[in-house]
PDB file of N, CA and C in Angstrom:
ATOM      1  N   UNK A   1     -57.203  -6.268 172.471  1.00  0.00           N
ATOM      2  CA  UNK A   1     -58.067  -5.339 173.134  1.00  0.00           C
ATOM      3  C   UNK A   1     -58.681  -4.350 172.180  1.00  0.00           C
ATOM      4  N   UNK A   2     -58.666  -4.648 170.919  1.00  0.00           N
ATOM      5  CA  UNK A   2     -59.226  -3.728 169.945  1.00  0.00           C
ATOM      6  C   UNK A   2     -60.730  -3.926 169.767  1.00  0.00           C
ATOM      7  N   UNK A   3     -61.308  -4.979 170.332  1.00  0.00           N
ATOM      8  CA  UNK A   3     -62.728  -5.251 170.130  1.00  0.00           C
ATOM      9  C   UNK A   3     -63.645  -4.226 170.783  1.00  0.00           C
ATOM     10  N   UNK A   4     -63.404  -3.692 172.003  1.00  0.00           N
ATOM     11  CA  UNK A   4     -64.334  -2.695 172.526  1.00  0.00           C
ATOM     12  C   UNK A   4     -64.427  -1.432 171.682  1.00  0.00           C
ATOM     13  N   UNK A   5     -63.344  -0.844 171.191  1.00  0.00           N
ATOM     14  CA  UNK A   5     -63.503   0.332 170.327  1.00  0.00           C
ATOM     15  C   UNK A   5     -64.225  -0.019 169.026  1.00  0.00           C
ATOM     16  N   UNK A   6     -63.982  -1.207 168.498  1.00  0.00           N
ATOM     17  CA  UNK A   6     -64.660  -1.622 167.280  1.00  0.00           C
ATOM     18  C   UNK A   6     -66.162  -1.756 167.528  1.00  0.00           C
ATOM     19  N   UNK A   7     -66.541  -2.314 168.654  1.00  0.00           N
ATOM     20  CA  UNK A   7     -67.943  -2.463 169.018  1.00  0.00           C
ATOM     21  C   UNK A   7     -68.614  -1.097 169.163  1.00  0.00           C
ATOM     22  N   UNK A   8     -67.921  -0.161 169.808  1.00  0.00           N
ATOM     23  CA  UNK A   8     -68.471   1.190 169.981  1.00  0.00           C
ATOM     24  C   UNK A   8     -68.659   1.889 168.648  1.00  0.00           C
ATOM     25  N   UNK A   9     -67.737   1.695 167.724  1.00  0.00           N
ATOM     26  CA  UNK A   9     -67.863   2.343 166.421  1.00  0.00           C
ATOM     27  C   UNK A   9     -69.024   1.743 165.635  1.00  0.00           C
ATOM     28  N   UNK A  10     -69.300   0.451 165.821  1.00  0.00           N
ATOM     29  CA  UNK A  10     -70.415  -0.183 165.126  1.00  0.00           C
ATOM     30  C   UNK A  10     -71.752   0.300 165.691  1.00  0.00           C
ATOM     31  N   UNK A  11     -71.818   0.490 166.992  1.00  0.00           N
ATOM     32  CA  UNK A  11     -73.050   0.966 167.608  1.00  0.00           C
ATOM     33  C   UNK A  11     -73.350   2.390 167.167  1.00  0.00           C
ATOM     34  N   UNK A  12     -72.333   3.228 167.112  1.00  0.00           N
ATOM     35  CA  UNK A  12     -72.527   4.614 166.706  1.00  0.00           C
ATOM     36  C   UNK A  12     -72.895   4.721 165.240  1.00  0.00           C
ATOM     37  N   UNK A  13     -72.439   3.808 164.420  1.00  0.00           N
ATOM     38  CA  UNK A  13     -72.711   3.866 162.992  1.00  0.00           C
ATOM     39  C   UNK A  13     -73.999   3.153 162.609  1.00  0.00           C
ATOM     40  N   UNK A  14     -74.696   2.586 163.574  1.00  0.00           N
ATOM     41  CA  UNK A  14     -75.932   1.863 163.282  1.00  0.00           C
ATOM     42  C   UNK A  14     -76.996   2.811 162.746  1.00  0.00           C
ATOM     43  N   UNK A  15     -77.795   2.363 161.779  1.00  0.00           N
ATOM     44  CA  UNK A  15     -78.832   3.246 161.232  1.00  0.00           C
ATOM     45  C   UNK A  15     -79.876   3.581 162.299  1.00  0.00           C
ATOM     46  N   UNK A  16     -80.323   4.810 162.321  1.00  0.00           N
ATOM     47  CA  UNK A  16     -81.326   5.250 163.275  1.00  0.00           C
ATOM     48  C   UNK A  16     -80.747   5.610 164.623  1.00  0.00           C
ATOM     49  N   UNK A  17     -79.454   5.481 164.785  1.00  0.00           N
ATOM     50  CA  UNK A  17     -78.852   5.804 166.073  1.00  0.00           C
ATOM     51  C   UNK A  17     -78.820   7.310 166.302  1.00  0.00           C
ATOM     52  N   UNK A  18     -78.906   8.063 165.215  1.00  0.00           N
ATOM     53  CA  UNK A  18     -78.865   9.518 165.361  1.00  0.00           C
ATOM     54  C   UNK A  18     -80.195  10.074 165.824  1.00  0.00           C
ATOM     55  N   UNK A  19     -81.315   9.360 165.632  1.00  0.00           N
ATOM     56  CA  UNK A  19     -82.637   9.814 166.097  1.00  0.00           C
ATOM     57  C   UNK A  19     -83.122  10.954 165.227  1.00  0.00           C
ATOM     58  N   UNK A  20     -83.331  12.095 165.829  1.00  0.00           N
ATOM     59  CA  UNK A  20     -83.788  13.247 165.084  1.00  0.00           C
ATOM     60  C   UNK A  20     -85.297  13.253 164.946  1.00  0.00           C
ATOM     61  N   UNK A  21     -85.789  14.221 164.190  1.00  0.00           N
ATOM     62  CA  UNK A  21     -87.231  14.391 164.016  1.00  0.00           C
ATOM     63  C   UNK A  21     -87.856  13.243 163.231  1.00  0.00           C
ATOM     64  N   UNK A  22     -87.148  12.722 162.245  1.00  0.00           N
ATOM     65  CA  UNK A  22     -87.723  11.631 161.449  1.00  0.00           C
ATOM     66  C   UNK A  22     -87.860  10.359 162.280  1.00  0.00           C
ATOM     67  N   UNK A  23     -86.933  10.125 163.194  1.00  0.00           N
ATOM     68  CA  UNK A  23     -87.021   8.950 164.058  1.00  0.00           C
ATOM     69  C   UNK A  23     -88.218   9.027 164.994  1.00  0.00           C
ATOM     70  N   UNK A  24     -88.483  10.205 165.524  1.00  0.00           N
ATOM     71  CA  UNK A  24     -89.640  10.388 166.401  1.00  0.00           C
ATOM     72  C   UNK A  24     -90.933  10.212 165.614  1.00  0.00           C
ATOM     73  N   UNK A  25     -90.978  10.771 164.407  1.00  0.00           N
ATOM     74  CA  UNK A  25     -92.168  10.667 163.559  1.00  0.00           C
ATOM     75  C   UNK A  25     -92.469   9.207 163.213  1.00  0.00           C
ATOM     76  N   UNK A  26     -91.424   8.472 162.884  1.00  0.00           N
ATOM     77  CA  UNK A  26     -91.609   7.058 162.549  1.00  0.00           C
ATOM     78  C   UNK A  26     -92.075   6.273 163.773  1.00  0.00           C
ATOM     79  N   UNK A  27     -91.654   6.675 164.949  1.00  0.00           N
ATOM     80  CA  UNK A  27     -92.078   5.996 166.165  1.00  0.00           C
ATOM     81  C   UNK A  27     -93.512   6.309 166.553  1.00  0.00           C
ATOM     82  N   UNK A  28     -93.973   7.508 166.244  1.00  0.00           N
ATOM     83  CA  UNK A  28     -95.326   7.936 166.621  1.00  0.00           C
ATOM     84  C   UNK A  28     -96.362   7.540 165.577  1.00  0.00           C
ATOM     85  N   UNK A  29     -95.969   7.461 164.331  1.00  0.00           N
ATOM     86  CA  UNK A  29     -96.902   7.195 163.232  1.00  0.00           C
ATOM     87  C   UNK A  29     -97.756   5.940 163.431  1.00  0.00           C
ATOM     88  N   UNK A  30     -97.215   4.800 163.866  1.00  0.00           N
ATOM     89  CA  UNK A  30     -98.081   3.630 164.085  1.00  0.00           C
ATOM     90  C   UNK A  30     -99.140   3.862 165.164  1.00  0.00           C
ATOM     91  N   UNK A  31     -98.798   4.601 166.210  1.00  0.00           N
ATOM     92  CA  UNK A  31     -99.767   4.878 167.266  1.00  0.00           C
ATOM     93  C   UNK A  31    -100.888   5.771 166.754  1.00  0.00           C
ATOM     94  N   UNK A  32    -100.562   6.742 165.929  1.00  0.00           N
ATOM     95  CA  UNK A  32    -101.586   7.611 165.338  1.00  0.00           C
ATOM     96  C   UNK A  32    -102.512   6.788 164.443  1.00  0.00           C
ATOM     97  N   UNK A  33    -101.938   5.896 163.661  1.00  0.00           N
ATOM     98  CA  UNK A  33    -102.742   5.045 162.780  1.00  0.00           C
ATOM     99  C   UNK A  33    -103.659   4.127 163.583  1.00  0.00           C
ATOM    100  N   UNK A  34    -103.154   3.555 164.663  1.00  0.00           N
ATOM    101  CA  UNK A  34    -103.973   2.676 165.508  1.00  0.00           C
ATOM    102  C   UNK A  34    -105.132   3.456 166.109  1.00  0.00           C
ATOM    103  N   UNK A  35    -104.861   4.669 166.608  1.00  0.00           N
ATOM    104  CA  UNK A  35    -105.928   5.481 167.187  1.00  0.00           C
ATOM    105  C   UNK A  35    -106.972   5.851 166.132  1.00  0.00           C
ATOM    106  N   UNK A  36    -106.530   6.193 164.923  1.00  0.00           N
ATOM    107  CA  UNK A  36    -107.470   6.557 163.856  1.00  0.00           C
ATOM    108  C   UNK A  36    -108.378   5.375 163.508  1.00  0.00           C
ATOM    109  N   UNK A  37    -107.812   4.198 163.413  1.00  0.00           N
ATOM    110  CA  UNK A  37    -108.609   3.011 163.105  1.00  0.00           C
ATOM    111  C   UNK A  37    -109.571   2.706 164.245  1.00  0.00           C
ATOM    112  N   UNK A  38    -109.101   2.810 165.467  1.00  0.00           N
ATOM    113  CA  UNK A  38    -109.937   2.583 166.647  1.00  0.00           C
ATOM    114  C   UNK A  38    -111.110   3.560 166.664  1.00  0.00           C
ATOM    115  N   UNK A  39    -110.825   4.832 166.349  1.00  0.00           N
ATOM    116  CA  UNK A  39    -111.879   5.850 166.324  1.00  0.00           C
ATOM    117  C   UNK A  39    -112.917   5.530 165.253  1.00  0.00           C
ATOM    118  N   UNK A  40    -112.465   5.198 164.057  1.00  0.00           N
ATOM    119  CA  UNK A  40    -113.390   4.951 162.949  1.00  0.00           C
ATOM    120  C   UNK A  40    -114.220   3.682 163.135  1.00  0.00           C
ATOM    121  N   UNK A  41    -113.652   2.672 163.762  1.00  0.00           N
ATOM    122  CA  UNK A  41    -114.358   1.396 163.878  1.00  0.00           C
ATOM    123  C   UNK A  41    -115.147   1.228 165.170  1.00  0.00           C
ATOM    124  N   UNK A  42    -114.795   1.989 166.236  1.00  0.00           N
ATOM    125  CA  UNK A  42    -115.471   1.764 167.513  1.00  0.00           C
ATOM    126  C   UNK A  42    -116.111   3.016 168.109  1.00  0.00           C
ATOM    127  N   UNK A  43    -115.362   4.081 168.216  1.00  0.00           N
ATOM    128  CA  UNK A  43    -115.865   5.258 168.928  1.00  0.00           C
ATOM    129  C   UNK A  43    -116.954   5.968 168.133  1.00  0.00           C
ATOM    130  N   UNK A  44    -116.705   6.260 166.870  1.00  0.00           N
ATOM    131  CA  UNK A  44    -117.672   7.008 166.058  1.00  0.00           C
ATOM    132  C   UNK A  44    -119.006   6.282 165.897  1.00  0.00           C
ATOM    133  N   UNK A  45    -119.037   4.985 165.577  1.00  0.00           N
ATOM    134  CA  UNK A  45    -120.332   4.302 165.484  1.00  0.00           C
ATOM    135  C   UNK A  45    -121.103   4.305 166.805  1.00  0.00           C
ATOM    136  N   UNK A  46    -120.397   4.191 167.927  1.00  0.00           N
ATOM    137  CA  UNK A  46    -121.079   4.215 169.220  1.00  0.00           C
ATOM    138  C   UNK A  46    -121.686   5.585 169.478  1.00  0.00           C
ATOM    139  N   UNK A  47    -120.977   6.656 169.124  1.00  0.00           N
ATOM    140  CA  UNK A  47    -121.519   8.003 169.304  1.00  0.00           C
ATOM    141  C   UNK A  47    -122.766   8.204 168.450  1.00  0.00           C
ATOM    142  N   UNK A  48    -122.756   7.694 167.222  1.00  0.00           N
ATOM    143  CA  UNK A  48    -123.926   7.811 166.358  1.00  0.00           C
ATOM    144  C   UNK A  48    -125.103   7.026 166.914  1.00  0.00           C
ATOM    145  N   UNK A  49    -124.840   5.862 167.477  1.00  0.00           N
ATOM    146  CA  UNK A  49    -125.904   5.045 168.059  1.00  0.00           C
ATOM    147  C   UNK A  49    -126.535   5.752 169.259  1.00  0.00           C
ATOM    148  N   UNK A  50    -125.713   6.403 170.090  1.00  0.00           N
ATOM    149  CA  UNK A  50    -126.223   7.138 171.249  1.00  0.00           C
ATOM    150  C   UNK A  50    -127.074   8.314 170.797  1.00  0.00           C
ATOM    151  N   UNK A  51    -126.635   9.044 169.775  1.00  0.00           N
ATOM    152  CA  UNK A  51    -127.414  10.184 169.260  1.00  0.00           C
ATOM    153  C   UNK A  51    -128.759   9.714 168.709  1.00  0.00           C
ATOM    154  N   UNK A  52    -128.765   8.595 168.005  1.00  0.00           N
ATOM    155  CA  UNK A  52    -130.012   8.064 167.447  1.00  0.00           C
ATOM    156  C   UNK A  52    -130.962   7.652 168.570  1.00  0.00           C
ATOM    157  N   UNK A  53    -130.449   7.027 169.618  1.00  0.00           N
ATOM    158  CA  UNK A  53    -131.279   6.607 170.746  1.00  0.00           C
ATOM    159  C   UNK A  53    -131.865   7.820 171.460  1.00  0.00           C
ATOM    160  N   UNK A  54    -131.070   8.869 171.656  1.00  0.00           N
ATOM    161  CA  UNK A  54    -131.569  10.081 172.295  1.00  0.00           C
ATOM    162  C   UNK A  54    -132.666  10.726 171.465  1.00  0.00           C
ATOM    163  N   UNK A  55    -132.517  10.704 170.146  1.00  0.00           N
ATOM    164  CA  UNK A  55    -133.550  11.262 169.272  1.00  0.00           C
ATOM    165  C   UNK A  55    -134.840  10.447 169.364  1.00  0.00           C
ATOM    166  N   UNK A  56    -134.732   9.130 169.437  1.00  0.00           N
ATOM    167  CA  UNK A  56    -135.915   8.276 169.576  1.00  0.00           C
ATOM    168  C   UNK A  56    -136.630   8.559 170.898  1.00  0.00           C
ATOM    169  N   UNK A  57    -135.882   8.709 171.965  1.00  0.00           N
ATOM    170  CA  UNK A  57    -136.474   8.971 173.282  1.00  0.00           C
ATOM    171  C   UNK A  57    -137.158  10.339 173.283  1.00  0.00           C
ATOM    172  N   UNK A  58    -136.525  11.326 172.665  1.00  0.00           N
ATOM    173  CA  UNK A  58    -137.108  12.668 172.629  1.00  0.00           C
ATOM    174  C   UNK A  58    -138.384  12.696 171.780  1.00  0.00           C
ATOM    175  N   UNK A  59    -138.490  11.813 170.791  1.00  0.00           N
ATOM    176  CA  UNK A  59    -139.630  11.814 169.878  1.00  0.00           C
ATOM    177  C   UNK A  59    -140.732  10.837 170.293  1.00  0.00           C
ATOM    178  N   UNK A  60    -140.634  10.233 171.474  1.00  0.00           N
ATOM    179  CA  UNK A  60    -141.667   9.287 171.907  1.00  0.00           C
ATOM    180  C   UNK A  60    -143.003  10.017 172.043  1.00  0.00           C
ATOM    181  N   UNK A  61    -144.067   9.359 171.604  1.00  0.00           N
ATOM    182  CA  UNK A  61    -145.394   9.995 171.651  1.00  0.00           C
ATOM    183  C   UNK A  61    -146.427   8.991 172.123  1.00  0.00           C
ATOM    184  N   UNK A  62    -147.603   9.498 172.402  1.00  0.00           N
ATOM    185  CA  UNK A  62    -148.700   8.669 172.881  1.00  0.00           C
ATOM    186  C   UNK A  62    -149.026   7.605 171.831  1.00  0.00           C
ATOM    187  N   UNK A  63    -149.164   6.375 172.288  1.00  0.00           N
ATOM    188  CA  UNK A  63    -149.494   5.268 171.391  1.00  0.00           C
ATOM    189  C   UNK A  63    -148.292   4.430 170.995  1.00  0.00           C
ATOM    190  N   UNK A  64    -147.083   4.939 171.215  1.00  0.00           N
ATOM    191  CA  UNK A  64    -145.886   4.157 170.897  1.00  0.00           C
ATOM    192  C   UNK A  64    -145.736   3.006 171.885  1.00  0.00           C
ATOM    193  N   UNK A  65    -145.149   1.937 171.413  1.00  0.00           N
ATOM    194  CA  UNK A  65    -144.838   0.816 172.286  1.00  0.00           C
ATOM    195  C   UNK A  65    -143.379   0.963 172.698  1.00  0.00           C
ATOM    196  N   UNK A  66    -143.096   0.833 173.993  1.00  0.00           N
ATOM    197  CA  UNK A  66    -141.730   1.004 174.491  1.00  0.00           C
ATOM    198  C   UNK A  66    -141.289  -0.225 175.271  1.00  0.00           C
ATOM    199  N   UNK A  67    -139.980  -0.399 175.311  1.00  0.00           N
ATOM    200  CA  UNK A  67    -139.367  -1.436 176.133  1.00  0.00           C
ATOM    201  C   UNK A  67    -138.537  -0.708 177.178  1.00  0.00           C
ATOM    202  N   UNK A  68    -138.782  -1.001 178.449  1.00  0.00           N
ATOM    203  CA  UNK A  68    -138.047  -0.338 179.520  1.00  0.00           C
ATOM    204  C   UNK A  68    -136.706  -1.034 179.753  1.00  0.00           C
ATOM    205  N   UNK A  69    -135.872  -0.410 180.575  1.00  0.00           N
ATOM    206  CA  UNK A  69    -134.579  -0.985 180.902  1.00  0.00           C
ATOM    207  C   UNK A  69    -134.694  -2.330 181.595  1.00  0.00           C
ATOM    208  N   UNK A  70    -135.787  -2.579 182.263  1.00  0.00           N
ATOM    209  CA  UNK A  70    -136.012  -3.860 182.939  1.00  0.00           C
ATOM    210  C   UNK A  70    -136.604  -4.917 182.039  1.00  0.00           C
ATOM    211  N   UNK A  71    -136.894  -4.573 180.787  1.00  0.00           N
ATOM    212  CA  UNK A  71    -137.425  -5.541 179.839  1.00  0.00           C
ATOM    213  C   UNK A  71    -138.932  -5.561 179.747  1.00  0.00           C
ATOM    214  N   UNK A  72    -139.628  -4.637 180.423  1.00  0.00           N
ATOM    215  CA  UNK A  72    -141.085  -4.583 180.355  1.00  0.00           C
ATOM    216  C   UNK A  72    -141.524  -3.874 179.082  1.00  0.00           C
ATOM    217  N   UNK A  73    -142.542  -4.418 178.442  1.00  0.00           N
ATOM    218  CA  UNK A  73    -143.068  -3.838 177.205  1.00  0.00           C
ATOM    219  C   UNK A  73    -144.441  -3.264 177.510  1.00  0.00           C
ATOM    220  N   UNK A  74    -144.658  -2.025 177.085  1.00  0.00           N
ATOM    221  CA  UNK A  74    -145.938  -1.387 177.330  1.00  0.00           C
ATOM    222  C   UNK A  74    -146.220  -0.307 176.309  1.00  0.00           C
ATOM    223  N   UNK A  75    -147.413   0.274 176.441  1.00  0.00           N
ATOM    224  CA  UNK A  75    -147.872   1.287 175.509  1.00  0.00           C
ATOM    225  C   UNK A  75    -147.896   2.641 176.217  1.00  0.00           C
ATOM    226  N   UNK A  76    -147.362   3.680 175.577  1.00  0.00           N
ATOM    227  CA  UNK A  76    -147.296   5.013 176.164  1.00  0.00           C
ATOM    228  C   UNK A  76    -148.691   5.621 176.153  1.00  0.00           C
ATOM    229  N   UNK A  77    -149.138   6.110 177.320  1.00  0.00           N
ATOM    230  CA  UNK A  77    -150.453   6.753 177.415  1.00  0.00           C
ATOM    231  C   UNK A  77    -150.345   8.245 177.664  1.00  0.00           C
ATOM    232  N   UNK A  78    -149.237   8.708 178.236  1.00  0.00           N
ATOM    233  CA  UNK A  78    -149.058  10.129 178.498  1.00  0.00           C
ATOM    234  C   UNK A  78    -147.564  10.435 178.465  1.00  0.00           C
ATOM    235  N   UNK A  79    -147.209  11.604 177.877  1.00  0.00           N
ATOM    236  CA  UNK A  79    -145.812  11.990 177.745  1.00  0.00           C
ATOM    237  C   UNK A  79    -145.584  13.304 178.475  1.00  0.00           C
ATOM    238  N   UNK A  80    -144.542  13.335 179.321  1.00  0.00           N
ATOM    239  CA  UNK A  80    -144.136  14.548 180.011  1.00  0.00           C
ATOM    240  C   UNK A  80    -142.735  14.938 179.561  1.00  0.00           C
ATOM    241  N   UNK A  81    -142.152  15.941 180.245  1.00  0.00           N
ATOM    242  CA  UNK A  81    -140.809  16.378 179.882  1.00  0.00           C
ATOM    243  C   UNK A  81    -139.751  15.323 180.199  1.00  0.00           C
ATOM    244  N   UNK A  82    -139.829  14.739 181.391  1.00  0.00           N
ATOM    245  CA  UNK A  82    -138.818  13.782 181.823  1.00  0.00           C
ATOM    246  C   UNK A  82    -139.378  12.395 182.092  1.00  0.00           C
ATOM    247  N   UNK A  83    -140.704  12.268 182.061  1.00  0.00           N
ATOM    248  CA  UNK A  83    -141.342  10.987 182.356  1.00  0.00           C
ATOM    249  C   UNK A  83    -142.407  10.671 181.316  1.00  0.00           C
ATOM    250  N   UNK A  84    -142.719   9.391 181.195  1.00  0.00           N
ATOM    251  CA  UNK A  84    -143.849   8.943 180.385  1.00  0.00           C
ATOM    252  C   UNK A  84    -144.682   8.004 181.241  1.00  0.00           C
ATOM    253  N   UNK A  85    -145.952   7.955 180.941  1.00  0.00           N
ATOM    254  CA  UNK A  85    -146.829   7.000 181.614  1.00  0.00           C
ATOM    255  C   UNK A  85    -147.029   5.841 180.653  1.00  0.00           C
ATOM    256  N   UNK A  86    -146.738   4.638 181.140  1.00  0.00           N
ATOM    257  CA  UNK A  86    -146.795   3.451 180.291  1.00  0.00           C
ATOM    258  C   UNK A  86    -147.817   2.482 180.855  1.00  0.00           C
ATOM    259  N   UNK A  87    -148.669   1.980 179.969  1.00  0.00           N
ATOM    260  CA  UNK A  87    -149.674   0.988 180.357  1.00  0.00           C
ATOM    261  C   UNK A  87    -149.132  -0.392 179.976  1.00  0.00           C
ATOM    262  N   UNK A  88    -148.879  -1.209 180.997  1.00  0.00           N
ATOM    263  CA  UNK A  88    -148.323  -2.545 180.776  1.00  0.00           C
ATOM    264  C   UNK A  88    -149.409  -3.594 180.595  1.00  0.00           C
ATOM    265  N   UNK A  89    -150.551  -3.396 181.250  1.00  0.00           N
ATOM    266  CA  UNK A  89    -151.706  -4.270 181.110  1.00  0.00           C
ATOM    267  C   UNK A  89    -152.938  -3.381 181.235  1.00  0.00           C
ATOM    268  N   UNK A  90    -154.094  -3.906 180.946  1.00  0.00           N
ATOM    269  CA  UNK A  90    -155.317  -3.105 181.010  1.00  0.00           C
ATOM    270  C   UNK A  90    -155.480  -2.523 182.411  1.00  0.00           C
ATOM    271  N   UNK A  91    -155.440  -1.209 182.512  1.00  0.00           N
ATOM    272  CA  UNK A  91    -155.619  -0.527 183.782  1.00  0.00           C
ATOM    273  C   UNK A  91    -154.390  -0.544 184.690  1.00  0.00           C
ATOM    274  N   UNK A  92    -153.290  -1.043 184.211  1.00  0.00           N
ATOM    275  CA  UNK A  92    -152.072  -1.145 185.016  1.00  0.00           C
ATOM    276  C   UNK A  92    -151.017  -0.204 184.422  1.00  0.00           C
ATOM    277  N   UNK A  93    -150.952   1.035 184.975  1.00  0.00           N
ATOM    278  CA  UNK A  93    -150.076   2.069 184.423  1.00  0.00           C
ATOM    279  C   UNK A  93    -148.989   2.446 185.416  1.00  0.00           C
ATOM    280  N   UNK A  94    -147.817   2.780 184.854  1.00  0.00           N
ATOM    281  CA  UNK A  94    -146.688   3.223 185.668  1.00  0.00           C
ATOM    282  C   UNK A  94    -146.054   4.441 185.010  1.00  0.00           C
ATOM    283  N   UNK A  95    -145.502   5.316 185.863  1.00  0.00           N
ATOM    284  CA  UNK A  95    -144.698   6.419 185.344  1.00  0.00           C
ATOM    285  C   UNK A  95    -143.269   5.902 185.203  1.00  0.00           C
ATOM    286  N   UNK A  96    -142.669   6.165 184.059  1.00  0.00           N
ATOM    287  CA  UNK A  96    -141.320   5.687 183.765  1.00  0.00           C
ATOM    288  C   UNK A  96    -140.470   6.890 183.357  1.00  0.00           C
ATOM    289  N   UNK A  97    -139.283   6.974 183.905  1.00  0.00           N
ATOM    290  CA  UNK A  97    -138.346   8.021 183.516  1.00  0.00           C
ATOM    291  C   UNK A  97    -137.889   7.744 182.086  1.00  0.00           C
ATOM    292  N   UNK A  98    -137.868   8.791 181.256  1.00  0.00           N
ATOM    293  CA  UNK A  98    -137.536   8.605 179.847  1.00  0.00           C
ATOM    294  C   UNK A  98    -136.174   7.965 179.629  1.00  0.00           C
ATOM    295  N   UNK A  99    -135.220   8.267 180.490  1.00  0.00           N
ATOM    296  CA  UNK A  99    -133.881   7.711 180.302  1.00  0.00           C
ATOM    297  C   UNK A  99    -133.841   6.198 180.533  1.00  0.00           C
ATOM    298  N   UNK A 100    -134.894   5.631 181.119  1.00  0.00           N
ATOM    299  CA  UNK A 100    -134.944   4.192 181.343  1.00  0.00           C
ATOM    300  C   UNK A 100    -135.628   3.439 180.200  1.00  0.00           C
ATOM    301  N   UNK A 101    -136.001   4.144 179.156  1.00  0.00           N
ATOM    302  CA  UNK A 101    -136.585   3.494 177.979  1.00  0.00           C
ATOM    303  C   UNK A 101    -135.435   3.032 177.092  1.00  0.00           C
ATOM    304  N   UNK A 102    -135.396   1.751 176.792  1.00  0.00           N
ATOM    305  CA  UNK A 102    -134.291   1.226 175.993  1.00  0.00           C
ATOM    306  C   UNK A 102    -134.636   1.108 174.512  1.00  0.00           C
ATOM    307  N   UNK A 103    -135.922   1.016 174.196  1.00  0.00           N
ATOM    308  CA  UNK A 103    -136.321   0.878 172.793  1.00  0.00           C
ATOM    309  C   UNK A 103    -137.700   1.484 172.596  1.00  0.00           C
ATOM    310  N   UNK A 104    -137.896   2.154 171.461  1.00  0.00           N
ATOM    311  CA  UNK A 104    -139.194   2.722 171.107  1.00  0.00           C
ATOM    312  C   UNK A 104    -139.654   2.038 169.829  1.00  0.00           C
ATOM    313  N   UNK A 105    -140.840   1.462 169.908  1.00  0.00           N
ATOM    314  CA  UNK A 105    -141.434   0.825 168.726  1.00  0.00           C
ATOM    315  C   UNK A 105    -142.625   1.657 168.311  1.00  0.00           C
ATOM    316  N   UNK A 106    -142.704   2.062 167.055  1.00  0.00           N
ATOM    317  CA  UNK A 106    -143.834   2.891 166.618  1.00  0.00           C
ATOM    318  C   UNK A 106    -145.162   2.155 166.767  1.00  0.00           C
ATOM    319  N   UNK A 107    -146.238   2.931 166.876  1.00  0.00           N
ATOM    320  CA  UNK A 107    -147.578   2.343 167.011  1.00  0.00           C
ATOM    321  C   UNK A 107    -147.884   1.494 165.784  1.00  0.00           C
ATOM    322  N   UNK A 108    -148.415   0.294 165.999  1.00  0.00           N
ATOM    323  CA  UNK A 108    -148.745  -0.608 164.883  1.00  0.00           C
ATOM    324  C   UNK A 108    -147.496  -1.025 164.139  1.00  0.00           C
ATOM    325  N   UNK A 109    -146.410  -1.278 164.860  1.00  0.00           N
ATOM    326  CA  UNK A 109    -145.106  -1.516 164.261  1.00  0.00           C
ATOM    327  C   UNK A 109    -144.925  -2.810 163.497  1.00  0.00           C
ATOM    328  N   UNK A 110    -145.810  -3.723 163.565  1.00  0.00           N
ATOM    329  CA  UNK A 110    -145.630  -4.977 162.810  1.00  0.00           C
ATOM    330  C   UNK A 110    -146.656  -5.991 163.254  1.00  0.00           C
ATOM    331  N   UNK A 111    -146.719  -7.085 162.512  1.00  0.00           N
ATOM    332  CA  UNK A 111    -147.689  -8.103 162.906  1.00  0.00           C
ATOM    333  C   UNK A 111    -147.016  -9.168 163.763  1.00  0.00           C
ATOM    334  N   UNK A 112    -147.769  -9.836 164.605  1.00  0.00           N
ATOM    335  CA  UNK A 112    -147.201 -10.848 165.482  1.00  0.00           C
ATOM    336  C   UNK A 112    -146.573 -12.001 164.696  1.00  0.00           C
ATOM    337  N   UNK A 113    -145.614 -12.674 165.303  1.00  0.00           N
ATOM    338  CA  UNK A 113    -144.886 -13.740 164.647  1.00  0.00           C
ATOM    339  C   UNK A 113    -145.745 -14.978 164.413  1.00  0.00           C
ATOM    340  N   UNK A 114    -146.814 -15.170 165.196  1.00  0.00           N
ATOM    341  CA  UNK A 114    -147.610 -16.386 165.077  1.00  0.00           C
ATOM    342  C   UNK A 114    -148.807 -16.225 164.138  1.00  0.00           C
ATOM    343  N   UNK A 115    -148.874 -15.176 163.373  1.00  0.00           N
ATOM    344  CA  UNK A 115    -149.966 -14.991 162.407  1.00  0.00           C
ATOM    345  C   UNK A 115    -149.570 -15.458 161.039  1.00  0.00           C
TER     346      UNK A 115
END
């Protein structure tokens, strides 16, 4: 019947059984590292992309070509505080809320692919 006391003494003498501040730190450190990597690789680049998009929307001007959230491409004819007027075809104009613009292409932004 000496095995249960022997087992208890082995469990108590096991490394890390005392815990303490260093044990907690070692347990938390991997989670902190995972969060730091997650922040650097995913959260921060997304925040920068959102800031850049907001700056593009704020800087939209007459003559720019825009792509709306629905995929329509048109030319800006008038700019307001919260809306822009976009001409999709000759004489076919719509007011579009600025937040629904997904992409801004500068005027004369490039030559067509079939030239």
